[in-house]
Amino acid sequence: MRAILTIILLFFITKLYSQCCGAGSANPIASDLSQSVLQYQQFEINSNFQYVYSSRFLNYTKPDTLFLSNYQSNYLYSRFSYGLTKVLTFSVEFGYWLKKSQRGKNNTDGHSSSGISDIILFPKLNIYNKNNLEITSGFGLKIPVGSHHDSTRYYEPFSGEYFYLIKPPVMQNSNGSNDFIFNLLMVKKLKKSNWRLLSSMMYLHKGWNPSGEKFGDLFTFSIFGGKTFNYKLTVLTYLKYEWVDKMSYNKDIFSVAFPNYDPDATGSHKVFIIPQVNYAFKEIFSFYLSSEIPVYQYVNKTQIASQFMFNAGISYRFKLKKSDIKE
């Protein structure tokens, strides 16, 4: 009888842990997408707070009411940049999960995590800047720092022993792989007007982690327009398409221990509208607010869908005095 009850307990916990991915973008970068390179010898300190919440779950395109209760996360993303030349900027960026949590149906079970996620080395090069057209490209490396194989301890009352189960991928602090990021930004300033037309593209190529997992590559394409008022307030509106590929796993490793989630329940196609407001103060401080509004979502099998995302950021730019540089 004790063995049967233990098997039943493990079954329900495994069902909870089988949930995999979704809830937000697979993009590890949370910042203002409309920024180009810095001036020569200019510093920038940038920090962003991103809040994600979802109680919406989809099976392909149809709502799923039997999956989970909700998912939410609080993410802090910071960037330190320096203008090496007039056309080349180098950035060191990192993310930290203040907290993210997932609750089971009817809020009966769940788990949470927190901690540093990844460090990103990201140089950006301004490759064209003529006739009110500016093109900037970037090629970065994401280095995993946070845990990708964290587990939760459970107490089994029938035997009086503890056991551990690996958390699902959406609850890990990192995917555990070295990834490459390619970004391209194009800005067109209209003559005799404060309007700007922009487009950006990013491709994130993900590698294999030590657990034999390769999470799906990410591609985003955005077109957006903005207008500046009184050289301080800028209002932008994005239309963003996001594609996430299915994940892969090493079948030789998982022939011994199959993952406690469904690898086929990964990958998606999404379209967002993103309003953003920027306010600059004396070209030193800038503040911005943005939010993602999903207008179309297609996910493979059952996943956590995007529902609400809010991002707030602050940026401080400065230059050292010549006397400081000499010293």
Protein backbone atom coordinates (compact mmCIF):
# COMPACT_ATOMS: atom_id res chain seq x y z
CA MET A 1 0.00 0.00 0.00
CA ARG A 2 2.82 2.43 0.89
CA ALA A 3 4.47 1.80 -2.48
CA ILE A 4 1.20 2.43 -4.32
CA LEU A 5 0.61 5.72 -2.50
CA THR A 6 4.18 6.79 -3.21
CA ILE A 7 3.73 6.07 -6.93
CA ILE A 8 0.50 8.10 -6.96
CA LEU A 9 2.24 11.01 -5.21
CA LEU A 10 5.12 10.91 -7.68
CA PHE A 11 2.68 10.79 -10.59
CA PHE A 12 0.92 14.01 -9.59
CA ILE A 13 4.18 15.82 -8.84
CA THR A 14 5.62 14.71 -12.17
CA LYS A 15 2.51 16.04 -13.91
CA LEU A 16 3.20 19.39 -12.28
CA TYR A 17 6.84 19.31 -13.34
CA SER A 18 6.07 18.25 -16.89
CA GLN A 19 5.09 21.79 -17.77
CA CYS A 20 7.71 23.32 -20.00
CA CYS A 21 7.95 26.64 -21.68
CA GLY A 22 6.29 29.85 -22.74
CA ALA A 23 5.08 32.83 -20.70
CA GLY A 24 7.40 35.34 -22.32
CA SER A 25 9.97 35.94 -24.92
CA ALA A 26 12.97 33.67 -25.25
CA ASN A 27 15.03 36.82 -25.66
CA PRO A 28 17.43 37.32 -22.72
CA ILE A 29 17.74 41.05 -23.51
CA ALA A 30 15.33 43.53 -21.92
CA SER A 31 16.08 47.10 -22.94
CA ASP A 32 15.26 49.95 -25.33
CA LEU A 33 15.42 48.47 -28.84
CA SER A 34 15.75 51.84 -30.57
CA GLN A 35 19.27 52.67 -29.32
CA SER A 36 22.31 52.83 -31.60
CA VAL A 37 25.99 53.28 -30.66
CA LEU A 38 27.38 55.74 -28.11
CA GLN A 39 29.62 58.71 -28.78
CA TYR A 40 33.38 58.34 -28.56
CA GLN A 41 34.53 57.88 -24.92
CA GLN A 42 30.94 58.03 -23.69
CA PHE A 43 29.76 55.76 -20.87
CA GLU A 44 26.27 54.42 -20.32
CA ILE A 45 24.77 52.75 -17.25
CA ASN A 46 21.39 51.21 -18.03
CA SER A 47 19.00 49.26 -15.85
CA ASN A 48 15.63 47.69 -16.67
CA PHE A 49 12.88 46.09 -14.64
CA GLN A 50 10.61 43.66 -16.46
CA TYR A 51 7.42 42.17 -15.04
CA VAL A 52 5.68 39.26 -16.75
CA TYR A 53 2.37 37.69 -15.73
CA SER A 54 0.21 35.11 -17.44
CA SER A 55 -2.85 33.12 -16.46
CA ARG A 56 -3.50 32.27 -20.11
CA PHE A 57 -2.59 28.89 -21.55
CA LEU A 58 -2.90 27.67 -25.12
CA ASN A 59 -3.04 24.35 -26.90
CA TYR A 60 -1.84 25.45 -30.33
CA THR A 61 -4.26 28.39 -30.73
CA LYS A 62 -7.08 27.23 -28.46
CA PRO A 63 -7.36 28.11 -24.75
CA ASP A 64 -6.44 25.40 -22.26
CA THR A 65 -8.16 25.65 -18.87
CA LEU A 66 -6.66 22.54 -17.26
CA PHE A 67 -2.97 23.42 -17.42
CA LEU A 68 -1.79 25.72 -14.62
CA SER A 69 -3.06 28.60 -12.51
CA ASN A 70 -0.53 31.33 -13.35
CA TYR A 71 3.08 32.20 -14.06
CA GLN A 72 4.86 35.44 -13.15
CA SER A 73 8.40 36.80 -13.08
CA ASN A 74 10.34 39.87 -11.95
CA TYR A 75 13.49 40.37 -14.00
CA LEU A 76 16.28 42.93 -13.57
CA TYR A 77 18.48 43.56 -16.59
CA SER A 78 21.51 45.87 -16.53
CA ARG A 79 23.98 47.09 -19.14
CA PHE A 80 27.34 48.87 -18.92
CA SER A 81 28.52 50.35 -22.24
CA TYR A 82 31.45 52.39 -23.51
CA GLY A 83 32.04 54.12 -26.83
CA LEU A 84 35.39 52.75 -28.02
CA THR A 85 35.23 54.88 -31.19
CA LYS A 86 32.62 57.00 -32.94
CA VAL A 87 31.21 53.88 -34.60
CA LEU A 88 31.98 51.06 -32.13
CA THR A 89 30.37 50.50 -28.72
CA PHE A 90 31.10 47.61 -26.37
CA SER A 91 28.62 46.47 -23.72
CA VAL A 92 28.67 44.06 -20.79
CA GLU A 93 25.15 43.03 -19.87
CA PHE A 94 23.60 40.68 -17.34
CA GLY A 95 20.21 39.60 -16.06
CA TYR A 96 18.99 38.68 -12.59
CA TRP A 97 15.71 37.01 -11.67
CA LEU A 98 14.37 38.72 -8.56
CA LYS A 99 11.71 36.04 -8.48
CA LYS A 100 9.70 33.88 -10.82
CA SER A 101 7.00 31.48 -9.80
CA GLN A 102 4.56 29.02 -11.25
CA ARG A 103 1.38 27.83 -9.56
CA GLY A 104 -0.51 24.63 -10.26
CA LYS A 105 -4.21 24.47 -10.99
CA ASN A 106 -6.36 25.98 -8.20
CA ASN A 107 -3.10 27.29 -6.63
CA THR A 108 -2.52 23.90 -5.00
CA ASP A 109 1.11 23.35 -5.93
CA GLY A 110 3.94 25.33 -7.41
CA HIS A 111 7.54 26.35 -7.17
CA SER A 112 9.73 29.44 -7.52
CA SER A 113 13.30 30.45 -8.25
CA SER A 114 15.61 33.47 -8.23
CA GLY A 115 19.21 34.33 -9.04
CA ILE A 116 21.52 35.53 -11.79
CA SER A 117 20.81 34.28 -15.31
CA ASP A 118 23.43 35.13 -17.96
CA ILE A 119 26.22 37.54 -18.87
CA ILE A 120 26.23 38.99 -22.39
CA LEU A 121 29.22 40.52 -24.19
CA PHE A 122 27.80 42.68 -26.95
CA PRO A 123 29.79 44.94 -29.32
CA LYS A 124 27.78 47.14 -31.72
CA LEU A 125 29.13 48.72 -34.92
CA ASN A 126 27.59 51.64 -36.80
CA ILE A 127 28.13 50.51 -40.40
CA TYR A 128 26.28 53.30 -42.23
CA ASN A 129 25.26 56.85 -41.30
CA LYS A 130 24.44 59.07 -44.28
CA ASN A 131 21.42 60.82 -45.77
CA ASN A 132 19.44 60.54 -42.52
CA LEU A 133 19.77 56.75 -42.63
CA GLU A 134 21.63 54.91 -39.87
CA ILE A 135 22.41 51.18 -39.79
CA THR A 136 23.90 49.50 -36.72
CA SER A 137 24.78 45.83 -36.28
CA GLY A 138 25.74 43.85 -33.22
CA PHE A 139 27.17 40.39 -32.60
CA GLY A 140 27.14 39.16 -29.01
CA LEU A 141 27.95 36.14 -26.89
CA LYS A 142 25.70 34.96 -24.06
CA ILE A 143 27.56 33.16 -21.27
CA PRO A 144 25.44 31.10 -18.84
CA VAL A 145 26.03 31.82 -15.16
CA GLY A 146 22.81 30.80 -13.44
CA SER A 147 21.64 27.27 -12.81
CA HIS A 148 19.96 25.34 -15.63
CA HIS A 149 19.51 22.09 -13.68
CA ASP A 150 18.04 23.27 -10.39
CA SER A 151 15.69 20.98 -8.49
CA THR A 152 13.11 21.12 -5.70
CA ARG A 153 13.15 18.87 -2.65
CA TYR A 154 10.00 16.97 -1.74
CA TYR A 155 9.16 15.08 1.42
CA GLU A 156 7.60 11.68 0.92
CA PRO A 157 5.49 11.06 4.08
CA PHE A 158 5.02 7.31 3.60
CA SER A 159 8.71 6.43 3.70
CA GLY A 160 9.84 9.52 5.60
CA GLU A 161 12.48 10.26 2.95
CA TYR A 162 13.24 13.27 0.74
CA PHE A 163 13.62 13.16 -3.01
CA TYR A 164 14.48 15.75 -5.68
CA LEU A 165 12.85 16.59 -9.00
CA ILE A 166 14.36 18.82 -11.68
CA LYS A 167 12.40 22.02 -12.23
CA PRO A 168 10.89 22.60 -15.69
CA PRO A 169 12.93 24.76 -18.12
CA VAL A 170 10.72 27.83 -17.65
CA MET A 171 11.67 27.88 -13.95
CA GLN A 172 15.44 27.61 -14.46
CA ASN A 173 17.57 30.75 -14.15
CA SER A 174 19.41 30.01 -17.42
CA ASN A 175 19.24 27.58 -20.32
CA GLY A 176 22.86 26.60 -19.58
CA SER A 177 24.27 27.07 -23.07
CA ASN A 178 26.60 29.50 -24.82
CA ASP A 179 24.46 31.39 -27.32
CA PHE A 180 25.26 33.82 -30.12
CA ILE A 181 23.21 36.97 -30.73
CA PHE A 182 23.07 38.91 -34.01
CA ASN A 183 21.22 42.23 -34.13
CA LEU A 184 20.57 44.75 -36.90
CA LEU A 185 18.97 48.18 -36.38
CA MET A 186 17.98 50.64 -39.14
CA VAL A 187 16.79 54.17 -38.39
CA LYS A 188 15.43 56.60 -41.00
CA LYS A 189 14.98 60.21 -39.92
CA LEU A 190 12.50 62.16 -42.00
CA LYS A 191 13.70 65.56 -43.20
CA LYS A 192 12.08 68.65 -41.67
CA SER A 193 10.22 66.45 -39.22
CA ASN A 194 10.63 64.88 -35.80
CA TRP A 195 9.41 61.53 -37.10
CA ARG A 196 11.64 58.45 -37.24
CA LEU A 197 11.00 55.13 -38.96
CA LEU A 198 12.88 52.17 -37.52
CA SER A 199 13.24 48.45 -38.04
CA SER A 200 15.23 45.90 -36.07
CA MET A 201 16.05 42.25 -36.47
CA MET A 202 17.59 39.85 -33.99
CA TYR A 203 18.62 36.22 -34.31
CA LEU A 204 19.61 34.22 -31.24
CA HIS A 205 21.41 30.97 -32.03
CA LYS A 206 21.36 28.69 -29.01
CA GLY A 207 23.95 26.04 -28.24
CA TRP A 208 23.87 22.76 -26.34
CA ASN A 209 23.97 22.75 -22.55
CA PRO A 210 25.73 20.12 -20.37
CA SER A 211 22.41 18.30 -19.83
CA GLY A 212 22.12 17.43 -23.52
CA GLU A 213 19.48 20.06 -24.30
CA LYS A 214 19.39 22.62 -27.10
CA PHE A 215 16.60 25.12 -26.75
CA GLY A 216 15.09 26.55 -29.90
CA ASP A 217 16.66 29.45 -31.78
CA LEU A 218 14.87 32.80 -31.64
CA PHE A 219 14.15 35.27 -34.44
CA THR A 220 12.42 38.62 -34.03
CA PHE A 221 11.63 41.32 -36.56
CA SER A 222 10.19 44.70 -35.58
CA ILE A 223 9.08 47.74 -37.49
CA PHE A 224 8.20 50.85 -35.59
CA GLY A 225 7.71 54.54 -35.88
CA GLY A 226 8.24 57.35 -33.42
CA LYS A 227 7.97 61.08 -33.01
CA THR A 228 9.93 63.37 -30.71
CA PHE A 229 8.27 66.31 -28.99
CA ASN A 230 10.34 69.26 -27.69
CA TYR A 231 13.53 67.19 -28.01
CA LYS A 232 12.60 65.36 -24.79
CA LEU A 233 9.55 63.16 -25.19
CA THR A 234 9.54 60.37 -27.78
CA VAL A 235 6.55 58.13 -28.45
CA LEU A 236 7.17 54.85 -30.30
CA THR A 237 4.90 52.05 -31.52
CA TYR A 238 6.32 48.64 -32.48
CA LEU A 239 4.87 45.79 -34.49
CA LYS A 240 6.97 42.74 -33.62
CA TYR A 241 7.00 39.22 -35.00
CA GLU A 242 8.66 36.51 -32.91
CA TRP A 243 9.52 32.94 -33.89
CA VAL A 244 10.93 30.35 -31.50
CA ASP A 245 12.08 26.99 -32.84
CA LYS A 246 11.42 23.65 -31.16
CA MET A 247 14.05 22.42 -28.75
CA SER A 248 16.27 19.38 -29.34
CA TYR A 249 17.81 16.94 -26.93
CA ASN A 250 20.56 14.33 -26.97
CA LYS A 251 18.76 11.00 -27.36
CA ASP A 252 21.78 9.07 -26.09
CA ILE A 253 21.62 10.90 -22.75
CA PHE A 254 17.84 10.76 -22.42
CA SER A 255 17.71 7.06 -23.33
CA VAL A 256 18.72 6.51 -19.70
CA ALA A 257 16.69 9.28 -18.08
CA PHE A 258 13.98 10.83 -20.24
CA PRO A 259 13.21 14.51 -19.44
CA ASN A 260 10.32 15.16 -17.04
CA TYR A 261 8.78 17.59 -19.55
CA ASP A 262 7.56 17.36 -23.11
CA PRO A 263 10.23 18.61 -25.59
CA ASP A 264 7.56 18.79 -28.30
CA ALA A 265 5.68 21.41 -26.24
CA THR A 266 8.19 24.08 -27.31
CA GLY A 267 8.35 26.57 -30.13
CA SER A 268 5.91 29.30 -31.12
CA HIS A 269 4.90 32.07 -33.52
CA LYS A 270 3.74 35.36 -31.99
CA VAL A 271 2.87 38.90 -33.05
CA PHE A 272 2.95 41.83 -30.60
CA ILE A 273 2.09 45.50 -30.58
CA ILE A 274 4.49 47.38 -28.29
CA PRO A 275 3.85 50.99 -27.25
CA GLN A 276 6.87 52.76 -25.73
CA VAL A 277 7.41 56.20 -24.22
CA ASN A 278 10.89 57.74 -23.78
CA TYR A 279 11.74 60.89 -21.88
CA ALA A 280 15.21 62.46 -22.02
CA PHE A 281 16.60 64.99 -19.53
CA LYS A 282 19.52 67.14 -20.77
CA GLU A 283 20.74 64.22 -22.94
CA ILE A 284 22.13 62.62 -19.78
CA PHE A 285 19.23 60.77 -18.20
CA SER A 286 16.50 58.98 -20.10
CA PHE A 287 13.51 57.03 -18.85
CA TYR A 288 11.31 54.70 -20.85
CA LEU A 289 8.24 52.53 -20.38
CA SER A 290 6.96 49.81 -22.69
CA SER A 291 4.49 46.96 -22.72
CA GLU A 292 3.93 43.97 -25.01
CA ILE A 293 0.36 43.40 -26.21
CA PRO A 294 -0.04 39.99 -27.90
CA VAL A 295 -2.32 40.05 -30.95
CA TYR A 296 -1.58 36.56 -32.32
CA GLN A 297 -0.10 33.43 -30.77
CA TYR A 298 0.50 29.91 -32.04
CA VAL A 299 2.29 27.44 -29.77
CA ASN A 300 3.19 23.79 -30.25
CA LYS A 301 0.99 21.59 -28.06
CA THR A 302 0.18 23.13 -24.64
CA GLN A 303 2.24 26.03 -23.29
CA ILE A 304 2.05 29.12 -21.14
CA ALA A 305 0.92 31.95 -23.43
CA SER A 306 2.03 35.58 -23.37
CA GLN A 307 -0.48 37.81 -21.64
CA PHE A 308 1.03 40.83 -19.87
CA MET A 309 4.56 42.28 -19.95
CA PHE A 310 5.68 45.62 -18.55
CA ASN A 311 9.20 47.03 -18.88
CA ALA A 312 10.61 50.16 -17.20
CA GLY A 313 14.15 51.39 -17.80
CA ILE A 314 16.52 54.18 -16.91
CA SER A 315 19.73 55.18 -18.67
CA TYR A 316 22.55 57.48 -17.57
CA ARG A 317 25.16 58.64 -20.09
CA PHE A 318 28.27 60.64 -19.30
CA LYS A 319 31.82 61.42 -20.39
CA LEU A 320 34.92 61.72 -18.24
CA LYS A 321 36.63 65.08 -18.20
CA LYS A 322 39.97 65.32 -19.98
CA SER A 323 41.72 65.86 -16.65
CA ASP A 324 40.19 62.65 -15.31
CA ILE A 325 41.36 60.72 -18.38
CA LYS A 326 44.95 62.00 -17.97
CA GLU A 327 45.01 61.01 -14.32
